Protein backbone atom coordinates (compact mmCIF):
# COMPACT_ATOMS: atom_id res chain seq x y z
CA MET A 1 61.96 -137.61 52.82
CA SER A 2 64.61 -139.25 54.25
CA ASN A 3 67.36 -138.00 56.27
CA ASP A 4 70.29 -140.23 55.53
CA ALA A 5 73.39 -138.60 55.94
CA ILE A 6 75.95 -139.74 53.41
CA THR A 7 79.42 -139.32 54.44
CA PRO A 8 81.95 -139.10 51.28
CA GLU A 9 84.70 -141.29 51.15
CA PHE A 10 88.34 -140.60 48.92
CA LYS A 11 90.90 -143.40 47.86
CA PHE A 12 94.05 -143.25 48.86
CA TYR A 13 97.39 -145.34 48.79
CA CYS A 14 99.42 -146.63 51.27
CA SER A 15 102.91 -145.00 51.35
CA HIS A 16 104.94 -147.88 52.05
CA CYS A 17 103.06 -150.65 49.94
CA ASP A 18 100.35 -148.80 47.23
CA GLN A 19 97.98 -150.81 48.52
CA PRO A 20 95.06 -148.69 47.13
CA LEU A 21 92.31 -147.93 50.10
CA LYS A 22 89.40 -145.80 50.82
CA CYS A 23 88.19 -144.21 53.81
CA GLU A 24 85.68 -141.62 54.43
CA VAL A 25 86.85 -137.78 54.88
CA ARG A 26 86.34 -137.71 58.58
CA PHE A 27 89.17 -140.18 59.82
CA ALA A 28 91.95 -137.70 57.67
CA GLY A 29 95.01 -137.56 59.62
CA ARG A 30 94.64 -140.58 61.86
CA GLN A 31 96.71 -143.23 61.77
CA ILE A 32 95.74 -147.00 61.09
CA GLN A 33 97.55 -150.06 60.57
CA CYS A 34 97.60 -150.76 56.31
CA PRO A 35 95.81 -154.00 55.68
CA GLY A 36 98.36 -155.21 52.83
CA CYS A 37 101.33 -154.68 54.75
CA GLN A 38 100.63 -153.90 58.38
CA VAL A 39 102.56 -150.62 58.62
CA LEU A 40 101.36 -148.05 60.20
CA ILE A 41 100.25 -145.01 58.04
CA ARG A 42 98.52 -141.78 58.61
CA ILE A 43 95.40 -141.26 56.39
CA PRO A 44 96.37 -138.12 54.06
CA ASN A 45 94.15 -135.02 53.79
CA PRO A 46 91.11 -135.40 51.38
CA PRO A 47 92.25 -133.90 47.59
CA ALA A 48 91.13 -130.35 46.86
CA GLY A 49 87.35 -129.92 45.54
CA THR A 50 85.84 -132.09 48.09
CA GLY A 51 84.88 -129.66 51.00
CA PHE A 52 87.61 -130.56 52.97
CA THR A 53 90.82 -129.22 51.94
CA HIS A 54 93.14 -129.91 55.06
CA ILE A 55 92.50 -131.44 58.22
CA SER A 56 95.31 -131.29 60.80
CA PRO A 57 96.54 -134.96 61.85
CA GLU A 58 95.61 -135.96 65.30
CA SER A 59 98.10 -135.48 67.88
CA GLY A 60 98.36 -138.28 70.59
CA ARG A 61 97.17 -141.96 70.67
CA THR A 62 94.49 -142.35 67.78
CA TRP A 63 91.48 -144.57 68.03
CA ASP A 64 93.74 -147.70 66.97
CA THR A 65 96.73 -147.13 69.18
CA HIS A 66 95.09 -146.19 72.58
CA VAL A 67 95.60 -148.82 74.98
CA PRO A 68 92.38 -148.44 77.59
CA THR A 69 93.80 -148.65 81.18
CA ARG A 70 92.24 -150.99 83.83
CA LYS A 71 89.62 -149.63 86.06
CA LYS A 72 91.08 -150.12 89.61
CA GLU A 73 88.27 -152.60 91.45
């Protein structure tokens, strides 16, 4: 039996330019740069009925805005 995990995706629109987008539900609450208009937007919560009805926005820096610091040599 295969143990392939299927990650549910949902569709949403950029709040600035209405570009249709989709992502996995695990990314809800993160900030991304819209590929259409380049504006920084927050991925909304997935629609009700997907099993993930509310995800709190991430606090602080997210993966796409974090600038790693250089290690001291």
